[in-house]
N, C-alpha and C. Protein backbone atom coordinates (compact mmCIF):
# COMPACT_ATOMS: atom_id res chain seq x y z
N MET A 1 -81.34 -39.70 54.15
CA MET A 1 -82.65 -38.70 54.28
C MET A 1 -82.59 -38.40 52.72
N ARG A 2 -82.05 -37.34 52.79
CA ARG A 2 -82.00 -36.38 51.90
C ARG A 2 -82.09 -37.31 50.17
N TRP A 3 -81.20 -38.10 50.34
CA TRP A 3 -81.37 -39.35 48.90
C TRP A 3 -83.08 -39.75 48.56
N LEU A 4 -83.53 -39.81 49.90
CA LEU A 4 -84.81 -40.40 49.34
C LEU A 4 -85.80 -39.66 49.25
N GLU A 5 -85.80 -38.06 49.62
CA GLU A 5 -85.88 -36.82 49.43
C GLU A 5 -86.39 -36.53 47.93
N ASN A 6 -85.00 -37.22 46.94
CA ASN A 6 -85.00 -36.98 45.63
C ASN A 6 -85.48 -38.27 44.86
N ARG A 7 -85.73 -39.29 45.63
CA ARG A 7 -86.14 -40.78 44.95
C ARG A 7 -87.59 -40.60 44.05
N PRO A 8 -87.37 -40.81 42.87
CA PRO A 8 -88.59 -40.76 42.36
C PRO A 8 -89.65 -41.57 42.33
N LYS A 9 -90.79 -41.48 42.37
CA LYS A 9 -92.01 -42.04 42.60
C LYS A 9 -92.36 -43.49 41.78
N ASN A 10 -91.77 -43.73 40.48
CA ASN A 10 -92.00 -44.29 39.56
C ASN A 10 -90.79 -45.80 40.23
N ARG A 11 -89.97 -45.30 41.29
CA ARG A 11 -88.81 -46.03 41.58
C ARG A 11 -89.39 -47.08 42.89
N PRO A 12 -88.91 -48.61 42.95
CA PRO A 12 -89.10 -49.55 44.06
C PRO A 12 -89.38 -48.78 44.88
N PRO A 13 -90.27 -48.84 46.18
CA PRO A 13 -90.36 -47.85 47.30
C PRO A 13 -89.38 -47.99 48.08
N ILE A 14 -88.69 -47.24 48.88
CA ILE A 14 -87.80 -47.20 49.97
C ILE A 14 -88.42 -46.43 51.24
N HIS A 15 -88.76 -47.08 52.44
CA HIS A 15 -89.21 -46.26 53.50
C HIS A 15 -88.00 -46.15 54.36
N GLY A 16 -88.14 -44.60 54.91
CA GLY A 16 -86.76 -43.93 55.10
C GLY A 16 -87.52 -43.46 56.88
N ILE A 17 -86.23 -43.76 57.90
CA ILE A 17 -87.11 -43.36 59.58
C ILE A 17 -85.64 -42.38 59.73
N ALA A 18 -85.93 -41.18 59.81
CA ALA A 18 -84.93 -40.05 60.37
C ALA A 18 -84.68 -40.46 61.99
N GLY A 19 -83.83 -41.26 62.27
CA GLY A 19 -83.55 -41.76 63.95
C GLY A 19 -83.24 -40.48 64.39
N PHE A 20 -82.53 -39.77 63.73
CA PHE A 20 -81.69 -38.64 64.66
C PHE A 20 -82.86 -37.28 64.61
N LYS A 21 -84.39 -37.26 64.37
CA LYS A 21 -84.95 -36.77 64.43
C LYS A 21 -86.13 -36.83 65.75
N ASN A 22 -86.00 -36.02 66.64
CA ASN A 22 -87.09 -36.08 67.69
C ASN A 22 -88.41 -35.18 67.05
N SER A 23 -89.46 -36.06 67.61
CA SER A 23 -90.84 -35.66 67.44
C SER A 23 -91.38 -34.88 68.71
N MET A 24 -92.20 -34.13 68.93
CA MET A 24 -93.13 -33.81 69.95
C MET A 24 -94.47 -34.25 70.16
N ASN A 25 -94.73 -34.71 69.00
CA ASN A 25 -96.03 -35.61 68.59
C ASN A 25 -96.20 -36.59 69.00
N THR A 26 -95.04 -37.49 68.76
CA THR A 26 -95.09 -38.73 68.87
C THR A 26 -94.10 -39.64 69.63
N THR A 27 -94.34 -40.76 69.76
CA THR A 27 -93.28 -41.25 71.24
C THR A 27 -92.05 -41.62 70.20
N ARG A 28 -91.03 -42.16 70.41
CA ARG A 28 -89.72 -42.78 69.57
C ARG A 28 -90.08 -43.95 69.01
N SER A 29 -91.03 -44.38 69.82
CA SER A 29 -90.88 -46.03 69.16
C SER A 29 -91.94 -46.02 68.31
N TRP A 30 -92.81 -45.16 68.15
CA TRP A 30 -93.86 -44.78 67.18
C TRP A 30 -93.26 -44.19 66.11
N GLN A 31 -91.83 -43.29 66.15
CA GLN A 31 -91.18 -42.88 65.02
C GLN A 31 -90.41 -43.82 64.46
N TRP A 32 -90.13 -45.14 65.25
CA TRP A 32 -89.29 -46.13 64.48
C TRP A 32 -89.65 -47.47 64.61
N ARG A 33 -91.34 -47.18 64.27
CA ARG A 33 -91.63 -48.70 63.80
C ARG A 33 -91.44 -48.69 62.28
N VAL A 34 -91.14 -50.23 62.22
CA VAL A 34 -90.98 -50.61 61.29
C VAL A 34 -92.27 -51.45 60.56
N PRO A 35 -92.42 -51.11 59.36
CA PRO A 35 -94.10 -51.44 58.34
C PRO A 35 -93.66 -53.19 58.23
N LYS A 36 -94.48 -53.76 58.85
CA LYS A 36 -94.61 -55.46 59.09
C LYS A 36 -94.16 -55.99 57.77
N GLU A 37 -94.69 -55.40 56.43
CA GLU A 37 -94.09 -56.10 55.35
C GLU A 37 -92.66 -55.79 54.89
N THR A 38 -91.82 -55.14 55.63
CA THR A 38 -90.47 -54.77 55.47
C THR A 38 -89.53 -56.43 54.81
N ARG A 39 -88.80 -56.34 53.70
CA ARG A 39 -87.94 -57.34 53.89
C ARG A 39 -86.80 -57.20 53.98
N HIS A 40 -86.11 -55.89 54.08
CA HIS A 40 -84.29 -55.75 54.22
C HIS A 40 -84.37 -54.44 55.31
N LEU A 41 -84.24 -54.55 56.53
CA LEU A 41 -83.55 -53.00 57.35
C LEU A 41 -82.27 -53.06 57.38
N ILE A 42 -82.27 -51.89 56.87
CA ILE A 42 -80.49 -51.09 56.84
C ILE A 42 -80.55 -50.12 58.14
N VAL A 43 -79.57 -50.44 58.89
CA VAL A 43 -79.80 -49.28 59.99
C VAL A 43 -78.00 -48.76 59.40
N ASP A 44 -78.38 -46.95 59.24
CA ASP A 44 -77.05 -46.78 59.24
C ASP A 44 -76.52 -45.74 60.36
N THR A 45 -75.01 -46.12 61.09
CA THR A 45 -75.30 -45.45 62.67
C THR A 45 -74.27 -44.85 62.41
N PRO A 46 -73.85 -43.72 63.46
CA PRO A 46 -72.71 -42.73 63.48
C PRO A 46 -71.37 -43.46 63.24
N ALA A 47 -70.16 -43.23 62.93
CA ALA A 47 -68.74 -43.87 63.34
C ALA A 47 -68.41 -44.35 64.59
N ALA A 48 -69.03 -43.39 65.53
CA ALA A 48 -68.52 -43.16 67.21
C ALA A 48 -69.37 -44.22 67.90
N LEU A 49 -70.23 -45.31 67.70
CA LEU A 49 -70.73 -45.67 68.14
C LEU A 49 -70.13 -46.48 69.58
N GLU A 50 -70.90 -46.50 70.56
CA GLU A 50 -69.47 -47.34 71.75
C GLU A 50 -70.26 -48.08 72.02
N GLY A 51 -69.76 -49.03 72.94
CA GLY A 51 -70.11 -50.15 74.29
C GLY A 51 -71.62 -50.39 74.36
N PRO A 52 -72.38 -49.69 75.09
CA PRO A 52 -74.00 -49.92 75.21
C PRO A 52 -74.67 -49.75 73.85
N ASP A 53 -74.24 -48.76 73.25
CA ASP A 53 -74.61 -48.04 72.07
C ASP A 53 -74.63 -48.88 70.87
N ILE A 54 -73.71 -49.76 71.31
CA ILE A 54 -73.29 -50.68 69.61
C ILE A 54 -74.11 -52.02 69.78
N HIS A 55 -74.36 -52.54 71.29
CA HIS A 55 -74.89 -53.68 71.54
C HIS A 55 -76.79 -53.42 71.18
N ASN A 56 -77.35 -52.48 71.72
CA ASN A 56 -78.40 -51.91 71.28
C ASN A 56 -78.59 -51.75 69.84
N ILE A 57 -78.00 -51.72 69.00
CA ILE A 57 -78.22 -51.22 67.61
C ILE A 57 -77.93 -52.86 67.02
N ILE A 58 -77.10 -53.51 67.32
CA ILE A 58 -76.80 -55.02 66.75
C ILE A 58 -77.60 -56.09 67.03
N TYR A 59 -78.53 -55.71 68.29
CA TYR A 59 -79.20 -56.79 68.89
C TYR A 59 -79.65 -57.73 68.45
N ASP A 60 -80.74 -57.22 66.76
CA ASP A 60 -81.12 -58.12 66.00
C ASP A 60 -80.94 -58.33 64.80
N ALA A 61 -79.04 -57.96 64.84
CA ALA A 61 -78.65 -57.82 63.24
C ALA A 61 -78.65 -59.03 63.09
N SER A 62 -78.26 -59.45 61.51
CA SER A 62 -78.12 -60.52 60.93
C SER A 62 -76.80 -60.38 60.08
N ASN A 63 -76.63 -59.24 59.65
CA ASN A 63 -75.10 -58.52 58.94
C ASN A 63 -74.93 -57.29 59.54
N ILE A 64 -73.42 -57.52 59.68
CA ILE A 64 -73.08 -55.79 60.19
C ILE A 64 -71.74 -55.71 59.09
N LEU A 65 -71.66 -54.39 57.94
CA LEU A 65 -71.10 -54.05 56.87
C LEU A 65 -70.56 -52.86 57.69
N ILE A 66 -69.06 -53.02 57.79
CA ILE A 66 -68.09 -51.83 58.01
C ILE A 66 -67.59 -51.08 57.12
N PRO A 67 -68.37 -50.01 56.67
CA PRO A 67 -67.12 -49.51 55.34
C PRO A 67 -66.25 -48.53 56.07
N VAL A 68 -65.09 -48.70 55.46
CA VAL A 68 -63.60 -47.99 56.05
C VAL A 68 -63.12 -47.30 54.83
N MET A 69 -62.57 -45.91 55.16
CA MET A 69 -62.07 -45.11 53.82
C MET A 69 -60.65 -45.28 53.99
N PRO A 70 -59.76 -45.42 52.91
CA PRO A 70 -58.40 -45.54 53.35
C PRO A 70 -57.97 -44.18 53.76
N SER A 71 -57.88 -43.50 55.06
CA SER A 71 -57.61 -42.47 55.66
C SER A 71 -56.75 -43.27 56.82
N PRO A 72 -55.78 -42.27 57.89
CA PRO A 72 -55.30 -43.17 58.76
C PRO A 72 -56.37 -42.38 60.11
N ILE A 73 -57.04 -41.23 59.80
CA ILE A 73 -58.21 -41.21 60.77
C ILE A 73 -59.52 -42.32 61.01
N ASP A 74 -59.44 -42.62 59.41
CA ASP A 74 -60.92 -43.66 59.33
C ASP A 74 -60.51 -45.20 59.81
N ILE A 75 -59.11 -45.13 59.50
CA ILE A 75 -58.48 -46.48 59.77
C ILE A 75 -58.56 -46.61 61.13
N ARG A 76 -58.20 -45.54 62.33
CA ARG A 76 -58.23 -45.93 63.70
C ARG A 76 -59.60 -45.81 63.97
N PHE A 77 -60.86 -45.08 63.43
CA PHE A 77 -62.16 -44.93 64.26
C PHE A 77 -62.31 -46.48 64.16
N ALA A 78 -62.09 -47.21 62.75
CA ALA A 78 -62.67 -48.36 62.52
C ALA A 78 -62.12 -49.47 63.63
N ALA A 79 -60.74 -49.35 63.80
CA ALA A 79 -59.92 -50.27 64.52
C ALA A 79 -60.52 -50.51 65.74
N LYS A 80 -61.21 -49.38 66.19
CA LYS A 80 -61.82 -49.06 68.13
C LYS A 80 -63.13 -49.49 67.68
N PHE A 81 -64.16 -49.35 66.71
CA PHE A 81 -65.30 -49.65 66.91
C PHE A 81 -65.24 -51.17 66.47
N ILE A 82 -64.25 -51.70 65.71
CA ILE A 82 -64.21 -52.74 65.43
C ILE A 82 -64.02 -54.11 66.90
N ALA A 83 -63.25 -53.32 67.83
CA ALA A 83 -62.45 -53.73 69.01
C ALA A 83 -63.89 -53.91 70.20
N ASP A 84 -64.77 -52.88 69.86
CA ASP A 84 -65.59 -52.39 70.99
C ASP A 84 -66.65 -53.38 70.34
N LEU A 85 -67.02 -53.56 69.29
CA LEU A 85 -67.92 -54.56 68.50
C LEU A 85 -67.88 -55.79 69.11
N LEU A 86 -66.40 -56.39 68.97
CA LEU A 86 -66.41 -57.91 69.15
C LEU A 86 -65.99 -58.19 70.67
N LEU A 87 -65.52 -57.00 71.84
CA LEU A 87 -65.51 -57.17 72.99
C LEU A 87 -66.45 -57.12 73.77
N LEU A 88 -66.64 -55.20 73.51
CA LEU A 88 -67.51 -54.74 74.61
C LEU A 88 -69.35 -55.40 74.28
N ALA A 89 -69.76 -55.66 73.34
CA ALA A 89 -70.88 -55.97 72.92
C ALA A 89 -70.83 -57.48 72.47
N GLN A 90 -70.01 -58.30 73.24
CA GLN A 90 -69.93 -59.80 73.23
C GLN A 90 -70.55 -60.13 71.82
N LEU A 91 -69.68 -59.99 70.82
CA LEU A 91 -70.98 -60.32 69.49
C LEU A 91 -70.70 -61.61 69.41
N ASP A 92 -71.88 -62.24 69.24
CA ASP A 92 -72.08 -63.75 68.84
C ASP A 92 -71.40 -64.10 67.52
N ARG A 93 -70.34 -64.36 67.26
CA ARG A 93 -70.25 -64.00 65.52
C ARG A 93 -70.60 -65.40 65.16
N GLY A 94 -71.36 -66.41 65.66
CA GLY A 94 -71.83 -67.40 65.08
C GLY A 94 -73.19 -67.27 64.51
N GLY A 95 -73.89 -66.15 65.14
CA GLY A 95 -75.45 -65.54 64.63
C GLY A 95 -75.16 -64.71 63.84
N ILE A 96 -74.47 -63.51 63.78
CA ILE A 96 -73.91 -62.02 62.64
C ILE A 96 -72.76 -62.55 62.04
N LYS A 97 -73.14 -61.80 60.48
CA LYS A 97 -72.30 -62.21 60.34
C LYS A 97 -71.74 -60.72 59.76
N VAL A 98 -70.04 -60.68 60.19
CA VAL A 98 -69.24 -59.20 59.95
C VAL A 98 -68.64 -59.33 58.64
N GLY A 99 -68.57 -57.75 58.37
CA GLY A 99 -67.84 -57.85 57.34
C GLY A 99 -67.47 -56.46 56.68
N VAL A 100 -66.17 -56.36 56.19
CA VAL A 100 -65.79 -54.81 55.66
C VAL A 100 -65.78 -54.39 54.63
N ILE A 101 -66.02 -53.38 54.31
CA ILE A 101 -65.76 -52.89 53.15
C ILE A 101 -64.86 -51.63 53.10
N ALA A 102 -64.03 -51.75 51.78
CA ALA A 102 -63.36 -50.76 51.51
C ALA A 102 -63.95 -49.46 50.90
N SER A 103 -64.17 -48.39 51.23
CA SER A 103 -64.82 -47.10 50.44
C SER A 103 -64.02 -46.30 50.44
N ARG A 104 -64.80 -45.80 49.01
CA ARG A 104 -63.95 -44.22 48.51
C ARG A 104 -62.69 -45.01 47.79
N THR A 105 -62.18 -46.22 47.36
CA THR A 105 -61.00 -46.09 47.09
C THR A 105 -60.69 -46.18 45.74
N ARG A 106 -59.45 -45.52 45.72
CA ARG A 106 -58.46 -45.23 44.41
C ARG A 106 -57.25 -46.37 44.16
N SER A 107 -57.60 -46.94 42.86
CA SER A 107 -56.50 -48.25 42.71
C SER A 107 -55.14 -47.28 42.41
N ASN A 108 -54.15 -48.64 42.86
CA ASN A 108 -53.08 -48.25 42.67
C ASN A 108 -52.36 -46.90 43.59
N THR A 109 -52.82 -46.70 44.77
CA THR A 109 -52.29 -46.03 45.51
C THR A 109 -51.73 -46.30 46.88
N LYS A 110 -50.97 -45.63 47.49
CA LYS A 110 -50.07 -46.11 48.94
C LYS A 110 -51.32 -46.29 49.98
N SER A 111 -52.65 -45.11 49.71
CA SER A 111 -53.57 -45.19 51.03
C SER A 111 -54.36 -46.31 50.85
N LEU A 112 -54.11 -47.05 49.68
CA LEU A 112 -55.41 -48.08 49.45
C LEU A 112 -54.45 -49.23 49.84
N GLU A 113 -53.35 -49.34 49.90
CA GLU A 113 -52.75 -50.40 49.85
C GLU A 113 -52.72 -50.42 51.66
N LYS A 114 -52.02 -49.76 52.24
CA LYS A 114 -52.59 -49.34 53.45
C LYS A 114 -53.76 -49.74 54.30
N LEU A 115 -54.62 -49.30 53.80
CA LEU A 115 -56.09 -49.91 54.03
C LEU A 115 -56.45 -51.64 53.92
N MET A 116 -55.77 -52.05 52.96
CA MET A 116 -56.48 -53.57 52.52
C MET A 116 -55.13 -53.93 53.52
N ARG A 117 -53.69 -53.97 53.44
CA ARG A 117 -53.11 -54.37 54.92
C ARG A 117 -53.87 -54.44 56.49
N PHE A 118 -54.65 -53.36 56.50
CA PHE A 118 -55.40 -52.95 57.76
C PHE A 118 -56.30 -53.64 58.00
N LEU A 119 -57.27 -54.18 56.35
CA LEU A 119 -58.63 -55.23 56.36
C LEU A 119 -57.94 -56.65 56.71
N ARG A 120 -56.93 -56.93 56.23
CA ARG A 120 -56.71 -58.24 55.77
C ARG A 120 -56.15 -58.63 57.59
N SER A 121 -55.24 -57.42 58.02
CA SER A 121 -55.42 -58.29 59.57
C SER A 121 -56.24 -58.29 60.58
N LEU A 122 -57.51 -57.92 59.99
CA LEU A 122 -58.62 -57.84 60.93
C LEU A 122 -59.24 -59.46 61.23
N LYS A 123 -58.79 -60.12 60.15
CA LYS A 123 -59.51 -61.85 60.25
C LYS A 123 -60.83 -61.67 59.71
N ILE A 124 -61.52 -60.85 59.57
CA ILE A 124 -62.62 -60.09 59.02
C ILE A 124 -62.81 -60.43 57.94
N PRO A 125 -64.08 -60.60 56.96
CA PRO A 125 -63.87 -61.44 55.91
C PRO A 125 -63.99 -59.62 54.82
N ILE A 126 -63.38 -59.29 53.80
CA ILE A 126 -63.22 -58.51 53.19
C ILE A 126 -64.27 -58.33 52.30
N VAL A 127 -65.33 -57.61 52.34
CA VAL A 127 -66.86 -58.25 51.32
C VAL A 127 -66.53 -57.25 50.05
N GLY A 128 -66.06 -56.16 49.99
CA GLY A 128 -66.04 -55.69 48.43
C GLY A 128 -65.38 -54.56 48.68
N MET A 129 -65.21 -53.72 47.42
CA MET A 129 -64.70 -52.22 47.68
C MET A 129 -65.95 -51.71 46.61
N ILE A 130 -65.79 -50.16 47.26
CA ILE A 130 -66.79 -49.24 46.60
C ILE A 130 -65.64 -48.26 45.76
N ARG A 131 -65.43 -47.67 45.00
CA ARG A 131 -63.75 -47.12 44.21
C ARG A 131 -65.09 -45.72 44.40
N ASP A 132 -63.96 -44.77 44.49
CA ASP A 132 -64.41 -43.12 44.35
C ASP A 132 -64.64 -42.99 43.38
N SER A 133 -66.15 -42.52 43.28
CA SER A 133 -66.56 -42.86 41.86
C SER A 133 -68.09 -41.67 42.02
N GLN A 134 -67.93 -40.56 40.75
CA GLN A 134 -68.71 -39.82 40.44
C GLN A 134 -70.27 -40.15 40.40
N ASN A 135 -70.20 -41.68 39.65
CA ASN A 135 -71.65 -42.44 39.74
C ASN A 135 -72.46 -42.43 40.98
N TYR A 136 -71.81 -42.47 42.28
CA TYR A 136 -71.94 -42.57 43.18
C TYR A 136 -73.12 -40.70 43.72
N VAL A 137 -71.99 -39.92 43.39
CA VAL A 137 -72.66 -38.32 43.77
C VAL A 137 -73.75 -38.59 42.84
N ALA A 138 -73.82 -38.30 41.58
CA ALA A 138 -74.99 -38.95 40.51
C ALA A 138 -76.29 -39.48 41.14
N ALA A 139 -75.76 -40.45 41.73
CA ALA A 139 -77.33 -41.49 42.07
C ALA A 139 -77.51 -40.64 43.22
N VAL A 140 -77.30 -40.15 44.26
CA VAL A 140 -77.54 -39.62 45.33
C VAL A 140 -78.58 -38.20 44.84
N GLU A 141 -77.44 -37.62 43.96
CA GLU A 141 -78.62 -36.39 43.09
C GLU A 141 -79.81 -36.50 42.93
N GLN A 142 -79.94 -37.91 42.31
CA GLN A 142 -81.07 -38.71 41.39
C GLN A 142 -82.11 -39.17 42.52
N GLY A 143 -81.81 -39.52 43.74
CA GLY A 143 -82.57 -40.56 44.43
C GLY A 143 -82.74 -41.96 44.13
N ILE A 144 -81.39 -42.41 43.69
CA ILE A 144 -81.36 -43.46 42.61
C ILE A 144 -80.41 -44.59 43.06
N GLY A 145 -80.07 -45.62 43.10
CA GLY A 145 -78.82 -46.41 43.51
C GLY A 145 -78.32 -46.69 42.32
N VAL A 146 -76.91 -47.31 42.69
CA VAL A 146 -76.06 -47.30 41.57
C VAL A 146 -76.63 -48.18 40.11
N TYR A 147 -77.28 -49.40 40.85
CA TYR A 147 -78.16 -50.14 39.91
C TYR A 147 -78.85 -49.62 39.02
N GLU A 148 -79.94 -48.19 39.50
CA GLU A 148 -80.75 -47.67 38.59
C GLU A 148 -80.08 -46.45 37.86
N LEU A 149 -79.03 -46.30 37.92
CA LEU A 149 -77.80 -45.77 36.66
C LEU A 149 -78.13 -46.25 35.62
N PRO A 150 -77.99 -45.87 34.37
CA PRO A 150 -77.72 -46.34 32.87
C PRO A 150 -76.39 -47.57 33.04
N HIS A 151 -77.01 -48.82 32.60
CA HIS A 151 -75.65 -49.97 32.85
C HIS A 151 -74.45 -49.54 32.20
N ARG A 152 -74.37 -48.80 31.12
CA ARG A 152 -73.27 -48.43 30.28
C ARG A 152 -72.27 -47.47 31.11
N ARG A 153 -72.68 -47.01 31.84
CA ARG A 153 -71.95 -45.72 32.78
C ARG A 153 -71.77 -46.25 34.15
N ALA A 154 -72.30 -47.42 34.89
CA ALA A 154 -71.76 -47.65 36.02
C ALA A 154 -71.48 -49.38 36.04
N THR A 155 -71.52 -49.68 34.57
CA THR A 155 -70.85 -51.11 35.16
C THR A 155 -69.66 -51.74 36.21
N LYS A 156 -68.38 -50.94 36.32
CA LYS A 156 -67.83 -51.23 37.39
C LYS A 156 -67.98 -51.18 38.65
N ASP A 157 -69.14 -49.78 38.77
CA ASP A 157 -69.80 -49.95 39.93
C ASP A 157 -70.40 -50.49 40.27
N GLU A 158 -71.12 -51.49 39.66
CA GLU A 158 -72.44 -52.56 39.55
C GLU A 158 -71.47 -53.99 40.08
N GLU A 159 -70.23 -54.09 39.36
CA GLU A 159 -69.64 -55.29 39.53
C GLU A 159 -69.13 -55.16 41.27
N HIS A 160 -68.33 -54.12 41.58
CA HIS A 160 -67.97 -53.93 42.67
C HIS A 160 -69.37 -54.21 43.83
N MET A 161 -70.42 -53.75 43.37
CA MET A 161 -71.54 -53.70 44.37
C MET A 161 -72.30 -55.15 44.48
N ALA A 162 -72.08 -55.99 43.15
CA ALA A 162 -72.17 -57.55 43.21
C ALA A 162 -71.70 -57.87 44.55
N ASN A 163 -70.39 -57.58 44.69
CA ASN A 163 -69.85 -58.78 45.67
C ASN A 163 -70.36 -58.50 46.86
N ILE A 164 -70.75 -57.45 47.34
CA ILE A 164 -71.08 -57.05 48.21
C ILE A 164 -72.73 -57.40 48.42
N VAL A 165 -73.59 -57.46 47.51
CA VAL A 165 -74.77 -57.95 47.63
C VAL A 165 -74.97 -59.63 47.42
N SER A 166 -74.06 -60.24 47.09
CA SER A 166 -73.91 -61.47 46.82
C SER A 166 -73.49 -61.77 48.37
N TRP A 167 -72.75 -61.34 49.35
CA TRP A 167 -72.51 -61.44 50.30
C TRP A 167 -73.68 -61.31 51.60
N LEU A 168 -74.59 -60.35 51.19
CA LEU A 168 -75.70 -59.64 52.22
C LEU A 168 -76.36 -61.03 51.73
N ASP A 169 -76.66 -61.91 50.63
CA ASP A 169 -77.98 -62.46 50.14
C ASP A 169 -77.66 -64.01 50.81
N GLN A 170 -76.38 -64.00 51.39
CA GLN A 170 -75.77 -65.25 51.72
C GLN A 170 -76.52 -65.50 53.28
N TRP A 171 -77.03 -64.44 54.05
CA TRP A 171 -77.72 -64.78 55.20
C TRP A 171 -78.65 -65.51 55.36
N GLN A 172 -78.60 -66.10 56.85
CA GLN A 172 -80.33 -66.66 57.13
C GLN A 172 -80.99 -66.12 58.33
N PRO A 173 -81.69 -65.87 58.31
CA PRO A 173 -82.06 -64.65 58.91
C PRO A 173 -82.82 -65.62 60.77
N ARG A 174 -82.27 -64.77 61.85
CA ARG A 174 -82.66 -65.46 62.74
C ARG A 174 -83.86 -66.28 63.36
N ARG A 175 -84.48 -67.34 63.61
CA ARG A 175 -85.94 -67.41 63.92
C ARG A 175 -86.68 -66.60 64.49
N ARG A 176 -87.67 -66.25 64.34
CA ARG A 176 -88.44 -64.98 65.32
C ARG A 176 -89.97 -66.22 65.05
N GLU A 177 -90.69 -66.72 65.58
CA GLU A 177 -92.05 -67.05 65.22
C GLU A 177 -93.19 -66.31 65.07
N ALA A 178 -93.32 -64.72 65.54
CA ALA A 178 -94.10 -63.83 65.14
C ALA A 178 -93.79 -63.00 63.92
N THR A 179 -92.27 -63.15 63.22
CA THR A 179 -92.13 -62.58 62.24
C THR A 179 -92.96 -62.51 60.96
N PRO A 180 -93.95 -61.80 60.52
CA PRO A 180 -94.15 -61.64 59.49
C PRO A 180 -93.67 -62.16 58.17
N LYS A 181 -94.04 -62.00 57.02
CA LYS A 181 -93.31 -62.58 55.67
C LYS A 181 -93.14 -60.75 54.81
N PRO A 182 -92.67 -60.23 54.80
CA PRO A 182 -92.52 -59.33 54.15
C PRO A 182 -92.56 -59.17 52.81
N THR A 183 -92.54 -57.63 52.25
CA THR A 183 -92.46 -57.56 50.95
C THR A 183 -92.18 -56.60 50.40
N ILE A 184 -92.15 -54.89 51.64
CA ILE A 184 -91.35 -53.86 50.59
C ILE A 184 -90.02 -54.48 50.02
N PRO A 185 -89.71 -53.68 49.32
CA PRO A 185 -87.87 -54.22 49.05
C PRO A 185 -87.25 -54.09 49.92
N VAL A 186 -87.24 -52.66 50.72
CA VAL A 186 -86.01 -51.96 51.27
C VAL A 186 -86.69 -51.10 52.38
N LEU A 187 -86.16 -51.31 53.44
CA LEU A 187 -86.39 -50.19 54.72
C LEU A 187 -84.70 -49.40 54.90
N SER A 188 -84.70 -48.56 55.19
CA SER A 188 -83.39 -47.68 55.44
C SER A 188 -83.92 -46.95 56.84
N VAL A 189 -83.29 -47.19 57.91
CA VAL A 189 -83.56 -46.25 59.07
C VAL A 189 -82.37 -45.84 59.08
N ASP A 190 -81.79 -44.28 59.30
CA ASP A 190 -80.91 -43.50 59.45
C ASP A 190 -80.85 -42.93 60.59
N GLN A 191 -80.07 -43.46 61.52
CA GLN A 191 -79.60 -43.02 62.93
C GLN A 191 -78.33 -42.02 62.63
N THR A 192 -77.78 -41.67 61.64
CA THR A 192 -76.97 -40.69 61.48
C THR A 192 -77.44 -39.30 62.28
N ARG A 193 -76.38 -38.94 62.63
CA ARG A 193 -76.77 -37.28 62.99
C ARG A 193 -76.31 -36.26 61.74
N PRO A 194 -77.13 -35.27 61.68
CA PRO A 194 -77.09 -34.36 60.36
C PRO A 194 -76.06 -33.95 60.22
N LEU A 195 -75.70 -33.89 58.81
CA LEU A 195 -73.73 -33.34 58.56
C LEU A 195 -74.14 -31.65 59.15
N GLN A 196 -72.76 -31.47 59.67
CA GLN A 196 -72.72 -30.16 60.32
C GLN A 196 -72.20 -29.21 59.24
């Protein structure tokens, strides 16, 4: 949500919903309403979701991307989340694509080796890698994406992101009779808790 606050008005619009905020003036369903012209809906969740919460969040999902950082703590939480996702939520693997992303990686490190070994053991596609780059910090400060940075500066990060975007572009939406054809480029619903 802070990223969206910094987004320049001359960039393609992104509608954000702060799912962690409660308003006394409106109902939760009104706060969380998705504009009819929405083309993509991204739900950012806290890492510590469990059984019923997972099921509620993924109910209408077409893709689930799970970022995992190369740290023992992150790997342990990811393993638990994925187990809950596949077992407790009784995920229909035929209807929803699940992939993992190695996040904040540094090449040729032991921690990356361990992370990649863990990710390969999951039997879930490794969609891509996001390297530990100052380009992401700069993009957040400016309210833009990596693709909106000067090309010569972000070439490597664009290449890494292209793998993720390509994987996402392959999805087939579930059939919905009354779903209007959307036109807004991206809608982000942030359900994370504010950073402490």
